Every structure is written in structure tokens, then in C-alpha cells.
N, C-alpha and C. Protein backbone atom coordinates (compact mmCIF):
# COMPACT_ATOMS: atom_id res chain seq x y z
N MET A 1 -47.63 53.59 -70.93
CA MET A 1 -46.99 52.65 -71.80
C MET A 1 -47.31 51.24 -71.38
N THR A 2 -47.39 50.97 -70.13
CA THR A 2 -47.67 49.64 -69.64
C THR A 2 -49.07 49.20 -70.00
N VAL A 3 -50.03 50.09 -69.97
CA VAL A 3 -51.40 49.76 -70.32
C VAL A 3 -51.48 49.31 -71.77
N PHE A 4 -50.75 49.97 -72.66
CA PHE A 4 -50.76 49.63 -74.07
C PHE A 4 -50.18 48.23 -74.29
N ARG A 5 -49.11 47.88 -73.60
CA ARG A 5 -48.49 46.58 -73.76
C ARG A 5 -49.44 45.47 -73.31
N HIS A 6 -50.14 45.63 -72.22
CA HIS A 6 -51.09 44.62 -71.76
C HIS A 6 -52.25 44.47 -72.73
N ALA A 7 -52.65 45.54 -73.31
CA ALA A 7 -53.77 45.47 -74.24
C ALA A 7 -53.38 44.74 -75.51
N VAL A 8 -52.15 44.92 -75.96
CA VAL A 8 -51.69 44.24 -77.18
C VAL A 8 -51.49 42.76 -76.92
N SER A 9 -50.93 42.42 -75.78
CA SER A 9 -50.64 41.02 -75.51
C SER A 9 -51.89 40.24 -75.15
N GLY A 10 -52.96 40.89 -74.88
CA GLY A 10 -54.19 40.21 -74.53
C GLY A 10 -54.27 39.86 -73.06
N HIS A 11 -53.33 40.30 -72.25
CA HIS A 11 -53.31 40.01 -70.84
C HIS A 11 -53.69 41.29 -70.10
N SER A 12 -54.72 41.24 -69.31
CA SER A 12 -55.22 42.46 -68.71
C SER A 12 -54.84 42.61 -67.25
N GLY A 13 -54.28 41.59 -66.62
CA GLY A 13 -53.95 41.71 -65.20
C GLY A 13 -52.64 41.03 -64.89
N PRO A 14 -52.28 41.00 -63.63
CA PRO A 14 -51.04 40.36 -63.24
C PRO A 14 -51.10 38.84 -63.45
N ARG A 15 -49.95 38.23 -63.69
CA ARG A 15 -49.90 36.79 -63.93
C ARG A 15 -49.91 36.07 -62.60
N THR A 16 -50.67 34.96 -62.56
CA THR A 16 -50.71 34.13 -61.35
C THR A 16 -50.57 32.68 -61.76
N GLY A 17 -50.25 31.79 -60.84
CA GLY A 17 -50.16 30.36 -61.12
C GLY A 17 -48.78 29.97 -61.60
N THR A 18 -48.72 28.89 -62.36
CA THR A 18 -47.44 28.32 -62.77
C THR A 18 -46.90 28.95 -64.03
N GLY A 19 -47.66 29.72 -64.70
CA GLY A 19 -47.18 30.34 -65.92
C GLY A 19 -47.54 29.51 -67.15
N ARG A 20 -48.20 28.38 -66.98
CA ARG A 20 -48.61 27.56 -68.11
C ARG A 20 -50.06 27.85 -68.44
N GLY A 21 -50.28 28.15 -69.67
CA GLY A 21 -51.65 28.34 -70.11
C GLY A 21 -52.19 27.03 -70.65
N LEU A 22 -53.27 27.10 -71.36
CA LEU A 22 -53.90 25.90 -71.94
C LEU A 22 -52.98 25.25 -72.96
N GLY A 23 -52.24 26.04 -73.75
CA GLY A 23 -51.32 25.50 -74.75
C GLY A 23 -50.19 24.71 -74.12
N GLY A 24 -49.67 25.20 -73.00
CA GLY A 24 -48.59 24.50 -72.29
C GLY A 24 -49.05 23.18 -71.72
N ARG A 25 -50.25 23.16 -71.21
CA ARG A 25 -50.81 21.92 -70.66
C ARG A 25 -51.05 20.90 -71.76
N LEU A 26 -51.53 21.36 -72.92
CA LEU A 26 -51.74 20.45 -74.04
C LEU A 26 -50.42 19.86 -74.54
N ARG A 27 -49.39 20.69 -74.59
CA ARG A 27 -48.08 20.19 -75.01
C ARG A 27 -47.53 19.17 -74.01
N ALA A 28 -47.70 19.42 -72.74
CA ALA A 28 -47.23 18.48 -71.71
C ALA A 28 -47.99 17.16 -71.80
N ALA A 29 -49.31 17.24 -72.02
CA ALA A 29 -50.11 16.02 -72.15
C ALA A 29 -49.72 15.26 -73.42
N ALA A 30 -49.46 15.96 -74.50
CA ALA A 30 -49.06 15.31 -75.75
C ALA A 30 -47.69 14.64 -75.58
N ALA A 31 -46.78 15.30 -74.86
CA ALA A 31 -45.46 14.71 -74.62
C ALA A 31 -45.58 13.45 -73.75
N LEU A 32 -46.46 13.49 -72.77
CA LEU A 32 -46.68 12.32 -71.91
C LEU A 32 -47.25 11.16 -72.70
N VAL A 33 -48.21 11.43 -73.58
CA VAL A 33 -48.79 10.38 -74.42
C VAL A 33 -47.74 9.80 -75.36
N LEU A 34 -46.87 10.66 -75.90
CA LEU A 34 -45.81 10.21 -76.80
C LEU A 34 -44.82 9.31 -76.07
N VAL A 35 -44.43 9.69 -74.86
CA VAL A 35 -43.50 8.87 -74.08
C VAL A 35 -44.13 7.53 -73.75
N CYS A 36 -45.40 7.52 -73.38
CA CYS A 36 -46.09 6.26 -73.08
C CYS A 36 -46.18 5.37 -74.31
N ALA A 37 -46.42 5.96 -75.47
CA ALA A 37 -46.50 5.17 -76.70
C ALA A 37 -45.15 4.56 -77.07
N VAL A 38 -44.08 5.31 -76.89
CA VAL A 38 -42.74 4.80 -77.19
C VAL A 38 -42.39 3.68 -76.23
N LEU A 39 -42.66 3.85 -74.94
CA LEU A 39 -42.37 2.80 -73.97
C LEU A 39 -43.27 1.59 -74.19
N GLY A 40 -44.49 1.79 -74.62
CA GLY A 40 -45.40 0.68 -74.90
C GLY A 40 -44.94 -0.14 -76.09
N ALA A 41 -44.26 0.49 -77.04
CA ALA A 41 -43.76 -0.23 -78.20
C ALA A 41 -42.58 -1.10 -77.84
N CYS A 42 -41.96 -0.88 -76.72
CA CYS A 42 -40.79 -1.66 -76.31
C CYS A 42 -41.16 -2.89 -75.50
N THR A 43 -42.43 -3.15 -75.28
CA THR A 43 -42.81 -4.32 -74.49
C THR A 43 -42.69 -5.57 -75.34
N GLY A 44 -42.75 -6.72 -74.69
CA GLY A 44 -42.54 -8.00 -75.34
C GLY A 44 -43.62 -8.37 -76.34
N GLU A 45 -43.24 -9.28 -77.24
CA GLU A 45 -44.15 -9.77 -78.25
C GLU A 45 -44.09 -11.29 -78.27
N GLN A 46 -45.18 -11.92 -78.71
CA GLN A 46 -45.21 -13.37 -78.90
C GLN A 46 -45.50 -13.66 -80.36
N PHE A 47 -44.85 -14.71 -80.86
CA PHE A 47 -44.98 -15.09 -82.26
C PHE A 47 -45.38 -16.56 -82.34
N GLN A 48 -46.38 -16.86 -83.13
CA GLN A 48 -46.83 -18.24 -83.37
C GLN A 48 -46.54 -18.57 -84.82
N LYS A 49 -45.77 -19.64 -85.05
CA LYS A 49 -45.44 -20.06 -86.39
C LYS A 49 -45.95 -21.48 -86.59
N GLY A 50 -46.45 -21.74 -87.78
CA GLY A 50 -46.87 -23.09 -88.11
C GLY A 50 -48.30 -23.38 -87.71
N TYR A 51 -48.54 -24.64 -87.40
CA TYR A 51 -49.88 -25.16 -87.13
C TYR A 51 -50.36 -24.74 -85.75
N ILE A 52 -51.59 -24.30 -85.67
CA ILE A 52 -52.21 -23.98 -84.38
C ILE A 52 -53.21 -25.09 -84.07
N LEU A 53 -52.95 -25.82 -83.01
CA LEU A 53 -53.77 -26.96 -82.62
C LEU A 53 -55.11 -26.49 -82.06
N PRO A 54 -56.22 -26.91 -82.70
CA PRO A 54 -57.53 -26.54 -82.15
C PRO A 54 -57.76 -27.22 -80.79
N GLU A 55 -58.49 -26.57 -79.92
CA GLU A 55 -58.79 -27.09 -78.59
C GLU A 55 -59.56 -28.41 -78.71
N GLY A 56 -59.05 -29.46 -78.07
CA GLY A 56 -59.73 -30.74 -78.03
C GLY A 56 -59.65 -31.54 -79.32
N ALA A 57 -58.79 -31.17 -80.24
CA ALA A 57 -58.73 -31.86 -81.54
C ALA A 57 -58.17 -33.27 -81.40
N LEU A 58 -57.14 -33.45 -80.57
CA LEU A 58 -56.54 -34.77 -80.44
C LEU A 58 -57.49 -35.78 -79.79
N GLU A 59 -58.38 -35.30 -78.94
CA GLU A 59 -59.35 -36.19 -78.29
C GLU A 59 -60.38 -36.71 -79.29
N GLN A 60 -60.54 -36.04 -80.42
CA GLN A 60 -61.51 -36.44 -81.44
C GLN A 60 -60.96 -37.50 -82.39
N ILE A 61 -59.68 -37.85 -82.21
CA ILE A 61 -59.06 -38.82 -83.11
C ILE A 61 -58.68 -40.06 -82.31
N PRO A 62 -59.53 -41.08 -82.29
CA PRO A 62 -59.19 -42.31 -81.58
C PRO A 62 -58.27 -43.20 -82.43
N ILE A 63 -57.62 -44.13 -81.77
CA ILE A 63 -56.82 -45.12 -82.50
C ILE A 63 -57.78 -45.93 -83.37
N GLY A 64 -57.42 -46.11 -84.64
CA GLY A 64 -58.28 -46.81 -85.59
C GLY A 64 -59.13 -45.87 -86.44
N ALA A 65 -59.04 -44.56 -86.20
CA ALA A 65 -59.80 -43.60 -87.01
C ALA A 65 -59.21 -43.57 -88.42
N SER A 66 -60.03 -43.18 -89.38
CA SER A 66 -59.58 -43.15 -90.77
C SER A 66 -58.74 -41.91 -91.04
N GLN A 67 -57.99 -41.97 -92.11
CA GLN A 67 -57.16 -40.84 -92.51
C GLN A 67 -58.03 -39.64 -92.89
N ASP A 68 -59.19 -39.90 -93.47
CA ASP A 68 -60.12 -38.82 -93.82
C ASP A 68 -60.64 -38.11 -92.57
N GLN A 69 -60.90 -38.88 -91.52
CA GLN A 69 -61.37 -38.27 -90.27
C GLN A 69 -60.29 -37.37 -89.68
N VAL A 70 -59.03 -37.79 -89.77
CA VAL A 70 -57.93 -36.97 -89.27
C VAL A 70 -57.85 -35.67 -90.06
N LEU A 71 -58.00 -35.75 -91.37
CA LEU A 71 -57.95 -34.55 -92.20
C LEU A 71 -59.10 -33.60 -91.88
N ILE A 72 -60.27 -34.14 -91.57
CA ILE A 72 -61.41 -33.29 -91.23
C ILE A 72 -61.17 -32.58 -89.90
N VAL A 73 -60.66 -33.29 -88.91
CA VAL A 73 -60.47 -32.71 -87.58
C VAL A 73 -59.24 -31.80 -87.53
N MET A 74 -58.13 -32.28 -88.07
CA MET A 74 -56.85 -31.56 -87.92
C MET A 74 -56.53 -30.63 -89.09
N GLY A 75 -57.05 -30.91 -90.26
CA GLY A 75 -56.72 -30.11 -91.42
C GLY A 75 -55.50 -30.67 -92.13
N THR A 76 -54.99 -29.93 -93.08
CA THR A 76 -53.85 -30.35 -93.87
C THR A 76 -52.59 -30.37 -93.01
N PRO A 77 -51.82 -31.46 -93.05
CA PRO A 77 -50.60 -31.52 -92.23
C PRO A 77 -49.50 -30.61 -92.77
N SER A 78 -48.55 -30.27 -91.90
CA SER A 78 -47.41 -29.45 -92.31
C SER A 78 -46.54 -30.21 -93.30
N THR A 79 -46.36 -31.51 -93.04
CA THR A 79 -45.60 -32.36 -93.95
C THR A 79 -46.06 -33.80 -93.77
N VAL A 80 -45.77 -34.63 -94.77
CA VAL A 80 -46.19 -36.03 -94.76
C VAL A 80 -44.98 -36.90 -95.05
N ALA A 81 -44.83 -37.99 -94.32
CA ALA A 81 -43.78 -38.97 -94.58
C ALA A 81 -44.45 -40.28 -94.98
N THR A 82 -43.83 -40.99 -95.90
CA THR A 82 -44.42 -42.24 -96.39
C THR A 82 -43.42 -43.39 -96.30
N LEU A 83 -42.79 -43.55 -95.14
CA LEU A 83 -41.78 -44.58 -95.01
C LEU A 83 -42.43 -45.96 -94.78
N ASN A 84 -42.79 -46.32 -93.62
CA ASN A 84 -43.50 -47.58 -93.34
C ASN A 84 -44.94 -47.23 -93.00
N GLY A 85 -45.75 -47.02 -94.01
CA GLY A 85 -47.06 -46.45 -93.80
C GLY A 85 -46.92 -44.95 -93.93
N GLU A 86 -47.97 -44.25 -93.62
CA GLU A 86 -47.94 -42.80 -93.77
C GLU A 86 -47.94 -42.14 -92.40
N VAL A 87 -47.29 -40.98 -92.31
CA VAL A 87 -47.25 -40.20 -91.07
C VAL A 87 -47.58 -38.75 -91.41
N PHE A 88 -48.54 -38.18 -90.69
CA PHE A 88 -48.86 -36.76 -90.83
C PHE A 88 -48.14 -36.02 -89.70
N TYR A 89 -47.43 -34.96 -90.06
CA TYR A 89 -46.75 -34.14 -89.06
C TYR A 89 -47.39 -32.75 -89.05
N TYR A 90 -47.78 -32.31 -87.87
CA TYR A 90 -48.31 -30.95 -87.66
C TYR A 90 -47.29 -30.23 -86.78
N ILE A 91 -46.62 -29.23 -87.35
CA ILE A 91 -45.48 -28.60 -86.69
C ILE A 91 -45.83 -27.16 -86.32
N SER A 92 -45.50 -26.78 -85.08
CA SER A 92 -45.72 -25.40 -84.64
C SER A 92 -44.60 -24.97 -83.71
N GLN A 93 -44.44 -23.66 -83.61
CA GLN A 93 -43.41 -23.11 -82.73
C GLN A 93 -43.91 -21.77 -82.20
N ARG A 94 -43.72 -21.56 -80.91
CA ARG A 94 -44.09 -20.30 -80.28
C ARG A 94 -42.82 -19.69 -79.68
N SER A 95 -42.58 -18.44 -80.03
CA SER A 95 -41.41 -17.75 -79.50
C SER A 95 -41.84 -16.38 -79.00
N GLU A 96 -40.98 -15.79 -78.22
CA GLU A 96 -41.28 -14.46 -77.69
C GLU A 96 -39.98 -13.68 -77.53
N ARG A 97 -40.15 -12.39 -77.44
CA ARG A 97 -39.04 -11.53 -77.06
C ARG A 97 -39.56 -10.56 -76.02
N LYS A 98 -38.76 -10.40 -74.99
CA LYS A 98 -39.17 -9.60 -73.83
C LYS A 98 -39.23 -8.11 -74.17
N VAL A 99 -38.27 -7.66 -74.97
CA VAL A 99 -38.17 -6.25 -75.34
C VAL A 99 -38.05 -6.16 -76.85
N ALA A 100 -38.69 -5.16 -77.43
CA ALA A 100 -38.61 -4.98 -78.87
C ALA A 100 -37.16 -4.82 -79.31
N PHE A 101 -36.86 -5.23 -80.50
CA PHE A 101 -35.54 -5.16 -81.12
C PHE A 101 -34.54 -6.15 -80.53
N MET A 102 -34.97 -7.07 -79.69
CA MET A 102 -34.09 -8.11 -79.17
C MET A 102 -34.36 -9.40 -79.95
N HIS A 103 -33.51 -10.40 -79.76
CA HIS A 103 -33.68 -11.68 -80.44
C HIS A 103 -34.85 -12.45 -79.84
N GLN A 104 -35.49 -13.25 -80.68
CA GLN A 104 -36.59 -14.09 -80.21
C GLN A 104 -36.04 -15.31 -79.50
N GLN A 105 -36.78 -15.77 -78.50
CA GLN A 105 -36.41 -16.98 -77.78
C GLN A 105 -37.57 -17.97 -77.91
N VAL A 106 -37.25 -19.21 -78.28
CA VAL A 106 -38.27 -20.23 -78.46
C VAL A 106 -38.80 -20.63 -77.09
N VAL A 107 -40.12 -20.52 -76.91
CA VAL A 107 -40.76 -20.85 -75.65
C VAL A 107 -41.35 -22.26 -75.72
N ASP A 108 -41.93 -22.61 -76.85
CA ASP A 108 -42.57 -23.91 -77.01
C ASP A 108 -42.53 -24.31 -78.47
N GLN A 109 -42.34 -25.59 -78.70
CA GLN A 109 -42.48 -26.10 -80.06
C GLN A 109 -43.15 -27.47 -79.97
N ARG A 110 -43.98 -27.74 -80.93
CA ARG A 110 -44.76 -28.97 -80.96
C ARG A 110 -44.66 -29.63 -82.31
N VAL A 111 -44.50 -30.94 -82.29
CA VAL A 111 -44.62 -31.75 -83.49
C VAL A 111 -45.60 -32.85 -83.14
N ILE A 112 -46.77 -32.78 -83.74
CA ILE A 112 -47.78 -33.81 -83.54
C ILE A 112 -47.66 -34.76 -84.72
N ALA A 113 -47.34 -36.01 -84.41
CA ALA A 113 -47.17 -37.03 -85.45
C ALA A 113 -48.30 -38.03 -85.33
N ILE A 114 -49.01 -38.21 -86.43
CA ILE A 114 -50.10 -39.20 -86.46
C ILE A 114 -49.68 -40.30 -87.43
N TYR A 115 -49.47 -41.50 -86.88
CA TYR A 115 -48.97 -42.63 -87.65
C TYR A 115 -50.14 -43.48 -88.15
N PHE A 116 -50.07 -43.85 -89.41
CA PHE A 116 -51.11 -44.68 -90.03
C PHE A 116 -50.52 -46.03 -90.42
N ASP A 117 -51.36 -47.05 -90.42
CA ASP A 117 -50.91 -48.36 -90.90
C ASP A 117 -51.19 -48.48 -92.39
N LYS A 118 -51.00 -49.68 -92.93
CA LYS A 118 -51.18 -49.89 -94.38
C LYS A 118 -52.63 -49.68 -94.83
N ASN A 119 -53.59 -49.83 -93.90
CA ASN A 119 -55.01 -49.62 -94.23
C ASN A 119 -55.44 -48.18 -94.08
N ARG A 120 -54.50 -47.29 -93.82
CA ARG A 120 -54.74 -45.85 -93.66
C ARG A 120 -55.63 -45.54 -92.45
N THR A 121 -55.43 -46.28 -91.37
CA THR A 121 -56.12 -45.99 -90.12
C THR A 121 -55.06 -45.60 -89.08
N VAL A 122 -55.47 -44.82 -88.09
CA VAL A 122 -54.53 -44.31 -87.09
C VAL A 122 -53.99 -45.47 -86.26
N GLN A 123 -52.66 -45.58 -86.25
CA GLN A 123 -51.98 -46.61 -85.47
C GLN A 123 -51.58 -46.05 -84.10
N ARG A 124 -51.02 -44.83 -84.09
CA ARG A 124 -50.68 -44.15 -82.84
C ARG A 124 -50.52 -42.66 -83.09
N ILE A 125 -50.59 -41.90 -81.99
CA ILE A 125 -50.44 -40.44 -82.04
C ILE A 125 -49.33 -40.05 -81.07
N ALA A 126 -48.40 -39.25 -81.54
CA ALA A 126 -47.31 -38.76 -80.69
C ALA A 126 -47.34 -37.24 -80.67
N ASN A 127 -47.09 -36.69 -79.48
CA ASN A 127 -47.07 -35.24 -79.29
C ASN A 127 -45.70 -34.87 -78.74
N TYR A 128 -44.78 -34.49 -79.63
CA TYR A 128 -43.42 -34.15 -79.22
C TYR A 128 -43.34 -32.68 -78.89
N GLY A 129 -42.64 -32.37 -77.80
CA GLY A 129 -42.51 -30.99 -77.37
C GLY A 129 -41.08 -30.52 -77.35
N LEU A 130 -40.87 -29.39 -76.73
CA LEU A 130 -39.56 -28.75 -76.67
C LEU A 130 -38.55 -29.64 -75.95
N LYS A 131 -38.99 -30.35 -74.92
CA LYS A 131 -38.08 -31.20 -74.15
C LYS A 131 -37.65 -32.43 -74.93
N ASP A 132 -38.36 -32.79 -75.99
CA ASP A 132 -38.06 -33.99 -76.76
C ASP A 132 -37.01 -33.78 -77.83
N GLY A 133 -36.64 -32.57 -78.09
CA GLY A 133 -35.68 -32.32 -79.16
C GLY A 133 -34.75 -31.19 -78.82
N LYS A 134 -33.77 -31.01 -79.65
CA LYS A 134 -32.80 -29.94 -79.48
C LYS A 134 -33.04 -28.91 -80.56
N ILE A 135 -33.08 -27.65 -80.19
CA ILE A 135 -33.27 -26.58 -81.16
C ILE A 135 -31.91 -26.23 -81.74
N PHE A 136 -31.82 -26.21 -83.03
CA PHE A 136 -30.59 -25.78 -83.66
C PHE A 136 -30.93 -25.04 -84.93
N ASP A 137 -29.99 -24.22 -85.35
CA ASP A 137 -30.18 -23.39 -86.53
C ASP A 137 -29.66 -24.15 -87.74
N PHE A 138 -30.54 -24.42 -88.70
CA PHE A 138 -30.13 -25.13 -89.90
C PHE A 138 -29.16 -24.29 -90.73
N VAL A 139 -29.34 -22.99 -90.72
CA VAL A 139 -28.47 -22.09 -91.45
C VAL A 139 -27.67 -21.31 -90.42
N SER A 140 -26.42 -21.66 -90.26
CA SER A 140 -25.62 -21.03 -89.22
C SER A 140 -25.09 -19.67 -89.64
N ARG A 141 -25.05 -19.41 -90.93
CA ARG A 141 -24.58 -18.15 -91.47
C ARG A 141 -23.15 -17.82 -91.00
N THR A 142 -22.32 -18.85 -90.93
CA THR A 142 -20.91 -18.63 -90.60
C THR A 142 -20.07 -19.05 -91.80
N THR A 143 -19.00 -18.34 -91.99
CA THR A 143 -18.09 -18.64 -93.09
C THR A 143 -16.81 -19.20 -92.50
N PRO A 144 -16.38 -20.39 -92.95
CA PRO A 144 -15.14 -20.93 -92.40
C PRO A 144 -13.95 -20.06 -92.81
N THR A 145 -12.99 -19.95 -91.92
CA THR A 145 -11.80 -19.16 -92.23
C THR A 145 -10.84 -19.96 -93.09
N GLY A 146 -10.05 -19.28 -93.86
CA GLY A 146 -9.10 -19.94 -94.74
C GLY A 146 -7.99 -20.61 -93.96
N GLY A 147 -7.41 -21.66 -94.52
CA GLY A 147 -6.30 -22.34 -93.90
C GLY A 147 -6.71 -23.54 -93.07
N GLN A 148 -7.97 -23.71 -92.79
CA GLN A 148 -8.42 -24.84 -91.98
C GLN A 148 -8.74 -26.05 -92.85
N GLU A 149 -9.08 -25.83 -94.09
CA GLU A 149 -9.46 -26.92 -94.97
C GLU A 149 -8.32 -27.20 -95.94
N MET A 150 -8.05 -28.45 -96.15
CA MET A 150 -7.00 -28.83 -97.09
C MET A 150 -7.63 -29.15 -98.44
N SER A 151 -7.00 -28.72 -99.48
CA SER A 151 -7.47 -29.08 -100.81
C SER A 151 -6.86 -30.41 -101.21
N TYR A 152 -7.29 -30.95 -102.31
CA TYR A 152 -6.76 -32.24 -102.76
C TYR A 152 -5.34 -32.11 -103.30
N LEU A 153 -4.87 -30.89 -103.54
CA LEU A 153 -3.51 -30.69 -104.04
C LEU A 153 -2.48 -30.59 -102.90
N THR A 154 -2.91 -30.32 -101.68
CA THR A 154 -1.99 -30.14 -100.56
C THR A 154 -1.12 -31.37 -100.32
N PRO A 155 -1.66 -32.59 -100.25
CA PRO A 155 -0.78 -33.75 -100.05
C PRO A 155 0.20 -33.94 -101.20
N LEU A 156 -0.21 -33.58 -102.41
CA LEU A 156 0.68 -33.69 -103.57
C LEU A 156 1.87 -32.74 -103.45
N PHE A 157 1.59 -31.50 -103.04
CA PHE A 157 2.67 -30.54 -102.85
C PHE A 157 3.61 -30.95 -101.72
N LYS A 158 3.07 -31.51 -100.64
CA LYS A 158 3.90 -31.97 -99.54
C LYS A 158 4.80 -33.12 -99.99
N LEU A 159 4.29 -33.99 -100.84
CA LEU A 159 5.08 -35.10 -101.36
C LEU A 159 6.22 -34.59 -102.23
N LEU A 160 5.95 -33.60 -103.08
CA LEU A 160 6.98 -33.04 -103.93
C LEU A 160 8.01 -32.25 -103.13
N ALA A 161 7.57 -31.57 -102.09
CA ALA A 161 8.48 -30.77 -101.25
C ALA A 161 9.40 -31.67 -100.44
N ALA A 162 8.98 -32.87 -100.13
CA ALA A 162 9.79 -33.78 -99.31
C ALA A 162 10.96 -34.34 -100.11
N ARG A 163 10.90 -34.34 -101.41
CA ARG A 163 11.96 -34.92 -102.25
C ARG A 163 13.06 -33.98 -102.45
């Protein structure tokens, strides 16, 4: 009876080793690759938003350069102000998160301001960084609780209640 069972199972001799065949080793290797892939997905990420300053671009723009030369070297500005002369602003922000699914933290932010005079030539260049400003959220996404704000009828009701 024992001979028949070995012949059906495809095993002709006694078992030796750890008991894992080729299929078991493949499953273990696949599980190891899967675990490494999941852990690799949890590593940090970096995000670049806005303008990316080309290497050596600011050195190509001397004081007195034309506005056209600035556009050729730097490209289209993020925004333009036209208060006392024109100002080109190139805005960028770099943030990172150490672990996936966590909040991003701002690592660096840059505002490059190129000021022009009335003749549209470069008057000065400013490079503002993270230390030059305060980061704040324009949209706080908070709702004020009731009872803290007075309506315009509240003083009227208090006046009537006092009588």
C-alpha cells in the first residue's frame, strides 16, 4: 500500500531538508518582494510647485538689462505687478513628507522679484526665501462657532430689554 501512495504523489523516496519545494521558495520570495514594495512606498517624497529656477539664470541678468532679455532668460513670470514700474515675480515652493500619507512640510520657498524702472530696464533683483516670510494658510477651513459674533439686531434687543 505504501508503494502505491508514493507512486501517486510523485514522491519516490523519503523526504529530506526543510520540507519546502520550489513552489514554497517562490512563494517566500514573492512575499519578500511584496513586503519590500509596500515598505518602499512608505518612504518620503519631495514636491516642487511653481517656477523652477534654471542654473545660473540670475547671473545672466545684469542691472540695466531689458525686460525682453529677462523674459528670454527666465521665461514667463508667475505674476506681474505694475505699481511703481513693473515687477516680475517668479514663485516656487518645495515641500516634502518623510512618510507616505503624512502631511507635507514646506522645506524651501522662493520669490524672485525683478524690479523694472519706467524705461523697462532692470532696476534691482531680489531673491526672497523661507526666512524672509511667514508661511500661513490662506484657507483655514475653520467654521466659527455660534454665539461669538453679534448681529446688528443684538444691541437693539438689549436696548428694548433694558426698558
